[in-house]
All heavy atoms as atom14 arrays in JSON, in Angstrom:
{
  "sequence": "EEGLQDKNPHLTVVDGFSFKELHGQQFDFV",
  "atom14_mask": [
    [1, 1, 1, 1, 1, 1, 1, 1, 1, 0, 0, 0, 0, 0],
    [1, 1, 1, 1, 1, 1, 1, 1, 1, 0, 0, 0, 0, 0],
    [1, 1, 1, 1, 0, 0, 0, 0, 0, 0, 0, 0, 0, 0],
    [1, 1, 1, 1, 1, 1, 1, 1, 0, 0, 0, 0, 0, 0],
    [1, 1, 1, 1, 1, 1, 1, 1, 1, 0, 0, 0, 0, 0],
    [1, 1, 1, 1, 1, 1, 1, 1, 0, 0, 0, 0, 0, 0],
    [1, 1, 1, 1, 1, 1, 1, 1, 1, 0, 0, 0, 0, 0],
    [1, 1, 1, 1, 1, 1, 1, 1, 0, 0, 0, 0, 0, 0],
    [1, 1, 1, 1, 1, 1, 1, 0, 0, 0, 0, 0, 0, 0],
    [1, 1, 1, 1, 1, 1, 1, 1, 1, 1, 0, 0, 0, 0],
    [1, 1, 1, 1, 1, 1, 1, 1, 0, 0, 0, 0, 0, 0],
    [1, 1, 1, 1, 1, 1, 1, 0, 0, 0, 0, 0, 0, 0],
    [1, 1, 1, 1, 1, 1, 1, 0, 0, 0, 0, 0, 0, 0],
    [1, 1, 1, 1, 1, 1, 1, 0, 0, 0, 0, 0, 0, 0],
    [1, 1, 1, 1, 1, 1, 1, 1, 0, 0, 0, 0, 0, 0],
    [1, 1, 1, 1, 0, 0, 0, 0, 0, 0, 0, 0, 0, 0],
    [1, 1, 1, 1, 1, 1, 1, 1, 1, 1, 1, 0, 0, 0],
    [1, 1, 1, 1, 1, 1, 0, 0, 0, 0, 0, 0, 0, 0],
    [1, 1, 1, 1, 1, 1, 1, 1, 1, 1, 1, 0, 0, 0],
    [1, 1, 1, 1, 1, 1, 1, 1, 1, 0, 0, 0, 0, 0],
    [1, 1, 1, 1, 1, 1, 1, 1, 1, 0, 0, 0, 0, 0],
    [1, 1, 1, 1, 1, 1, 1, 1, 0, 0, 0, 0, 0, 0],
    [1, 1, 1, 1, 1, 1, 1, 1, 1, 1, 0, 0, 0, 0],
    [1, 1, 1, 1, 0, 0, 0, 0, 0, 0, 0, 0, 0, 0],
    [1, 1, 1, 1, 1, 1, 1, 1, 1, 0, 0, 0, 0, 0],
    [1, 1, 1, 1, 1, 1, 1, 1, 1, 0, 0, 0, 0, 0],
    [1, 1, 1, 1, 1, 1, 1, 1, 1, 1, 1, 0, 0, 0],
    [1, 1, 1, 1, 1, 1, 1, 1, 0, 0, 0, 0, 0, 0],
    [1, 1, 1, 1, 1, 1, 1, 1, 1, 1, 1, 0, 0, 0],
    [1, 1, 1, 1, 1, 1, 1, 0, 0, 0, 0, 0, 0, 0]
  ],
  "atom14_positions": [
    [[-55.27, 230.48, -104.17], [-56.53, 230.08, -103.53], [-56.38, 229.97, -102.01], [-57.31, 230.27, -101.27], [-57.0, 228.75, -104.11], [-57.45, 228.83, -105.56], [-57.8, 227.47, -106.13], [-57.75, 226.47, -105.37], [-58.13, 227.39, -107.33], [0.0, 0.0, 0.0], [0.0, 0.0, 0.0], [0.0, 0.0, 0.0], [0.0, 0.0, 0.0], [0.0, 0.0, 0.0]],
    [[-55.2, 229.52, -101.57], [-54.95, 229.35, -100.13], [-54.42, 230.62, -99.47], [-54.21, 230.64, -98.26], [-53.94, 228.21, -99.92], [-54.44, 226.84, -100.38], [-55.54, 226.3, -99.49], [-55.53, 226.61, -98.28], [-56.41, 225.56, -100.0], [0.0, 0.0, 0.0], [0.0, 0.0, 0.0], [0.0, 0.0, 0.0], [0.0, 0.0, 0.0], [0.0, 0.0, 0.0]],
    [[-54.17, 231.67, -100.26], [-53.66, 232.91, -99.7], [-52.24, 232.8, -99.17], [-51.88, 233.46, -98.19], [0.0, 0.0, 0.0], [0.0, 0.0, 0.0], [0.0, 0.0, 0.0], [0.0, 0.0, 0.0], [0.0, 0.0, 0.0], [0.0, 0.0, 0.0], [0.0, 0.0, 0.0], [0.0, 0.0, 0.0], [0.0, 0.0, 0.0], [0.0, 0.0, 0.0]],
    [[-51.41, 231.99, -99.84], [-50.05, 231.74, -99.36], [-48.97, 232.43, -100.18], [-47.78, 232.15, -99.98], [-49.78, 230.23, -99.35], [-50.6, 229.4, -98.36], [-50.36, 227.91, -98.58], [-50.25, 229.78, -96.92], [0.0, 0.0, 0.0], [0.0, 0.0, 0.0], [0.0, 0.0, 0.0], [0.0, 0.0, 0.0], [0.0, 0.0, 0.0], [0.0, 0.0, 0.0]],
    [[-49.35, 233.34, -101.07], [-48.34, 233.98, -101.91], [-47.3, 234.73, -101.08], [-46.13, 234.8, -101.44], [-48.97, 234.97, -102.9], [-50.12, 234.42, -103.72], [-51.46, 234.78, -103.11], [-51.73, 234.5, -101.95], [-52.3, 235.43, -103.92], [0.0, 0.0, 0.0], [0.0, 0.0, 0.0], [0.0, 0.0, 0.0], [0.0, 0.0, 0.0], [0.0, 0.0, 0.0]],
    [[-47.73, 235.3, -99.94], [-46.82, 236.1, -99.13], [-45.77, 235.26, -98.42], [-44.84, 235.83, -97.82], [-47.6, 236.91, -98.09], [-48.44, 238.03, -98.73], [-48.18, 238.35, -99.91], [-49.34, 238.56, -98.05], [0.0, 0.0, 0.0], [0.0, 0.0, 0.0], [0.0, 0.0, 0.0], [0.0, 0.0, 0.0], [0.0, 0.0, 0.0], [0.0, 0.0, 0.0]],
    [[-45.89, 233.94, -98.48], [-44.85, 233.09, -97.89], [-43.65, 232.97, -98.83], [-42.65, 232.35, -98.48], [-45.41, 231.7, -97.57], [-46.5, 231.67, -96.53], [-46.05, 232.25, -95.18], [-45.03, 231.39, -94.45], [-45.62, 230.2, -93.81], [0.0, 0.0, 0.0], [0.0, 0.0, 0.0], [0.0, 0.0, 0.0], [0.0, 0.0, 0.0], [0.0, 0.0, 0.0]],
    [[-43.76, 233.55, -100.02], [-42.63, 233.68, -100.96], [-41.91, 232.35, -101.25], [-40.68, 232.27, -101.13], [-41.61, 234.7, -100.43], [-42.22, 236.09, -100.29], [-42.89, 236.57, -101.19], [-42.0, 236.72, -99.14], [0.0, 0.0, 0.0], [0.0, 0.0, 0.0], [0.0, 0.0, 0.0], [0.0, 0.0, 0.0], [0.0, 0.0, 0.0], [0.0, 0.0, 0.0]],
    [[-42.64, 231.34, -101.67], [-41.97, 230.09, -102.05], [-41.21, 230.28, -103.37], [-41.58, 231.11, -104.2], [-43.13, 229.11, -102.22], [-44.29, 229.97, -102.63], [-44.11, 231.26, -101.86], [0.0, 0.0, 0.0], [0.0, 0.0, 0.0], [0.0, 0.0, 0.0], [0.0, 0.0, 0.0], [0.0, 0.0, 0.0], [0.0, 0.0, 0.0], [0.0, 0.0, 0.0]],
    [[-40.17, 229.5, -103.55], [-39.38, 229.53, -104.78], [-39.73, 228.29, -105.6], [-39.46, 227.17, -105.17], [-37.88, 229.52, -104.45], [-37.46, 230.62, -103.5], [-37.03, 231.85, -103.93], [-37.42, 230.65, -102.15], [-36.73, 232.61, -102.89], [-36.96, 231.9, -101.79], [0.0, 0.0, 0.0], [0.0, 0.0, 0.0], [0.0, 0.0, 0.0], [0.0, 0.0, 0.0]],
    [[-40.33, 228.5, -106.76], [-40.76, 227.39, -107.61], [-40.0, 227.45, -108.92], [-40.06, 228.47, -109.62], [-42.27, 227.46, -107.84], [-43.15, 227.49, -106.58], [-44.62, 227.62, -106.96], [-42.91, 226.26, -105.72], [0.0, 0.0, 0.0], [0.0, 0.0, 0.0], [0.0, 0.0, 0.0], [0.0, 0.0, 0.0], [0.0, 0.0, 0.0], [0.0, 0.0, 0.0]],
    [[-39.32, 226.36, -109.27], [-38.39, 226.38, -110.39], [-38.6, 225.17, -111.3], [-38.64, 224.03, -110.82], [-36.94, 226.36, -109.88], [-36.74, 227.46, -108.99], [-35.96, 226.46, -111.04], [0.0, 0.0, 0.0], [0.0, 0.0, 0.0], [0.0, 0.0, 0.0], [0.0, 0.0, 0.0], [0.0, 0.0, 0.0], [0.0, 0.0, 0.0], [0.0, 0.0, 0.0]],
    [[-38.72, 225.43, -112.6], [-38.74, 224.35, -113.59], [-37.3, 223.9, -113.84], [-36.41, 224.73, -114.02], [-39.39, 224.81, -114.91], [-39.29, 223.72, -115.98], [-40.86, 225.18, -114.68], [0.0, 0.0, 0.0], [0.0, 0.0, 0.0], [0.0, 0.0, 0.0], [0.0, 0.0, 0.0], [0.0, 0.0, 0.0], [0.0, 0.0, 0.0], [0.0, 0.0, 0.0]],
    [[-37.08, 222.59, -113.82], [-35.72, 222.05, -113.99], [-35.71, 221.04, -115.15], [-36.74, 220.57, -115.61], [-35.23, 221.36, -112.7], [-35.1, 222.38, -111.57], [-36.17, 220.22, -112.29], [0.0, 0.0, 0.0], [0.0, 0.0, 0.0], [0.0, 0.0, 0.0], [0.0, 0.0, 0.0], [0.0, 0.0, 0.0], [0.0, 0.0, 0.0], [0.0, 0.0, 0.0]],
    [[-34.49, 220.7, -115.57], [-34.31, 219.74, -116.66], [-34.05, 218.32, -116.16], [-34.18, 217.36, -116.91], [-33.16, 220.16, -117.57], [-33.51, 221.37, -118.42], [-34.7, 221.5, -118.76], [-32.61, 222.16, -118.74], [0.0, 0.0, 0.0], [0.0, 0.0, 0.0], [0.0, 0.0, 0.0], [0.0, 0.0, 0.0], [0.0, 0.0, 0.0], [0.0, 0.0, 0.0]],
    [[-33.63, 218.18, -114.92], [-33.29, 216.87, -114.4], [-32.82, 216.97, -112.98], [-33.39, 217.7, -112.17], [0.0, 0.0, 0.0], [0.0, 0.0, 0.0], [0.0, 0.0, 0.0], [0.0, 0.0, 0.0], [0.0, 0.0, 0.0], [0.0, 0.0, 0.0], [0.0, 0.0, 0.0], [0.0, 0.0, 0.0], [0.0, 0.0, 0.0], [0.0, 0.0, 0.0]],
    [[-31.72, 216.27, -112.66], [-31.25, 216.21, -111.28], [-29.83, 216.74, -111.12], [-29.11, 216.34, -110.22], [-31.33, 214.76, -110.78], [-32.73, 214.23, -110.73], [-33.25, 213.53, -111.8], [-33.52, 214.44, -109.62], [-34.55, 213.04, -111.76], [-34.82, 213.97, -109.56], [-35.34, 213.27, -110.65], [0.0, 0.0, 0.0], [0.0, 0.0, 0.0], [0.0, 0.0, 0.0]],
    [[-29.46, 217.69, -111.97], [-28.16, 218.33, -111.8], [-28.21, 219.43, -110.75], [-27.18, 219.8, -110.18], [-27.69, 218.93, -113.13], [-28.49, 220.06, -113.48], [0.0, 0.0, 0.0], [0.0, 0.0, 0.0], [0.0, 0.0, 0.0], [0.0, 0.0, 0.0], [0.0, 0.0, 0.0], [0.0, 0.0, 0.0], [0.0, 0.0, 0.0], [0.0, 0.0, 0.0]],
    [[-29.42, 219.97, -110.51], [-29.66, 221.06, -109.55], [-28.95, 222.35, -109.94], [-28.79, 223.26, -109.13], [-29.24, 220.65, -108.12], [-29.89, 219.38, -107.66], [-29.12, 218.29, -107.29], [-31.26, 219.27, -107.59], [-29.71, 217.11, -106.87], [-31.87, 218.09, -107.17], [-31.09, 217.01, -106.81], [0.0, 0.0, 0.0], [0.0, 0.0, 0.0], [0.0, 0.0, 0.0]],
    [[-28.55, 222.45, -111.21], [-27.85, 223.64, -111.67], [-28.74, 224.87, -111.59], [-28.25, 226.0, -111.43], [-27.36, 223.44, -113.1], [-28.48, 223.22, -114.11], [-27.96, 222.93, -115.5], [-29.1, 222.7, -116.49], [-28.61, 222.39, -117.85], [0.0, 0.0, 0.0], [0.0, 0.0, 0.0], [0.0, 0.0, 0.0], [0.0, 0.0, 0.0], [0.0, 0.0, 0.0]],
    [[-30.05, 224.69, -111.69], [-30.97, 225.84, -111.68], [-31.07, 226.5, -110.3], [-31.61, 227.6, -110.17], [-32.37, 225.4, -112.12], [-32.45, 224.87, -113.54], [-32.19, 223.38, -113.64], [-31.79, 222.76, -112.62], [-32.37, 222.82, -114.74], [0.0, 0.0, 0.0], [0.0, 0.0, 0.0], [0.0, 0.0, 0.0], [0.0, 0.0, 0.0], [0.0, 0.0, 0.0]],
    [[-30.54, 225.85, -109.27], [-30.66, 226.39, -107.9], [-29.5, 227.29, -107.53], [-29.48, 227.86, -106.43], [-30.78, 225.24, -106.9], [-32.01, 224.36, -107.11], [-32.03, 223.22, -106.1], [-33.3, 225.17, -107.03], [0.0, 0.0, 0.0], [0.0, 0.0, 0.0], [0.0, 0.0, 0.0], [0.0, 0.0, 0.0], [0.0, 0.0, 0.0], [0.0, 0.0, 0.0]],
    [[-28.52, 227.42, -108.42], [-27.44, 228.41, -108.28], [-26.73, 228.33, -106.92], [-26.52, 229.34, -106.25], [-27.99, 229.83, -108.49], [-28.73, 230.0, -109.78], [-28.13, 229.9, -111.0], [-30.06, 230.22, -110.02], [-29.03, 230.08, -111.96], [-30.21, 230.26, -111.4], [0.0, 0.0, 0.0], [0.0, 0.0, 0.0], [0.0, 0.0, 0.0], [0.0, 0.0, 0.0]],
    [[-26.39, 227.12, -106.51], [-25.58, 226.96, -105.3], [-26.34, 227.01, -103.99], [-25.71, 226.97, -102.92], [0.0, 0.0, 0.0], [0.0, 0.0, 0.0], [0.0, 0.0, 0.0], [0.0, 0.0, 0.0], [0.0, 0.0, 0.0], [0.0, 0.0, 0.0], [0.0, 0.0, 0.0], [0.0, 0.0, 0.0], [0.0, 0.0, 0.0], [0.0, 0.0, 0.0]],
    [[-27.66, 227.1, -104.01], [-28.44, 227.09, -102.78], [-28.29, 225.74, -102.08], [-28.22, 224.7, -102.73], [-29.92, 227.33, -103.08], [-30.25, 228.67, -103.69], [-30.13, 229.81, -102.69], [-30.27, 229.61, -101.48], [-29.89, 231.01, -103.18], [0.0, 0.0, 0.0], [0.0, 0.0, 0.0], [0.0, 0.0, 0.0], [0.0, 0.0, 0.0], [0.0, 0.0, 0.0]],
    [[-28.25, 225.76, -100.74], [-28.18, 224.53, -99.96], [-29.27, 224.52, -98.91], [-29.73, 225.59, -98.45], [-26.8, 224.35, -99.33], [-25.71, 224.07, -100.36], [-24.47, 223.5, -99.73], [-24.01, 223.95, -98.68], [-23.9, 222.49, -100.37], [0.0, 0.0, 0.0], [0.0, 0.0, 0.0], [0.0, 0.0, 0.0], [0.0, 0.0, 0.0], [0.0, 0.0, 0.0]],
    [[-29.67, 223.31, -98.49], [-30.87, 223.16, -97.69], [-30.65, 222.2, -96.52], [-29.88, 221.24, -96.61], [-32.01, 222.63, -98.57], [-32.28, 223.51, -99.76], [-31.6, 223.31, -100.96], [-33.17, 224.57, -99.67], [-31.83, 224.14, -102.05], [-33.39, 225.4, -100.75], [-32.72, 225.18, -101.94], [0.0, 0.0, 0.0], [0.0, 0.0, 0.0], [0.0, 0.0, 0.0]],
    [[-31.37, 222.48, -95.42], [-31.32, 221.61, -94.25], [-32.03, 220.29, -94.5], [-31.59, 219.23, -94.05], [-31.98, 222.31, -93.05], [-31.4, 223.67, -92.77], [-30.17, 223.74, -92.54], [-32.14, 224.67, -92.81], [0.0, 0.0, 0.0], [0.0, 0.0, 0.0], [0.0, 0.0, 0.0], [0.0, 0.0, 0.0], [0.0, 0.0, 0.0], [0.0, 0.0, 0.0]],
    [[-33.15, 220.37, -95.2], [-33.93, 219.19, -95.56], [-34.14, 219.18, -97.08], [-34.48, 220.21, -97.67], [-35.31, 219.22, -94.88], [-35.31, 218.81, -93.44], [-34.82, 219.67, -92.46], [-35.79, 217.57, -93.05], [-34.82, 219.3, -91.12], [-35.79, 217.19, -91.72], [-35.3, 218.06, -90.75], [0.0, 0.0, 0.0], [0.0, 0.0, 0.0], [0.0, 0.0, 0.0]],
    [[-33.94, 218.02, -97.67], [-34.26, 217.81, -99.08], [-35.16, 216.59, -99.15], [-34.87, 215.57, -98.5], [-32.99, 217.58, -99.92], [-33.36, 217.33, -101.39], [-32.04, 218.77, -99.81], [0.0, 0.0, 0.0], [0.0, 0.0, 0.0], [0.0, 0.0, 0.0], [0.0, 0.0, 0.0], [0.0, 0.0, 0.0], [0.0, 0.0, 0.0], [0.0, 0.0, 0.0]]
  ]
}
């Protein structure tokens, strides 16, 4: 609706707080 698909966000369903679904990605801000 906002026309933001081209910003390519990564949206992931997770099971908890192990962060295993992120496959080693690291971030400046969490």
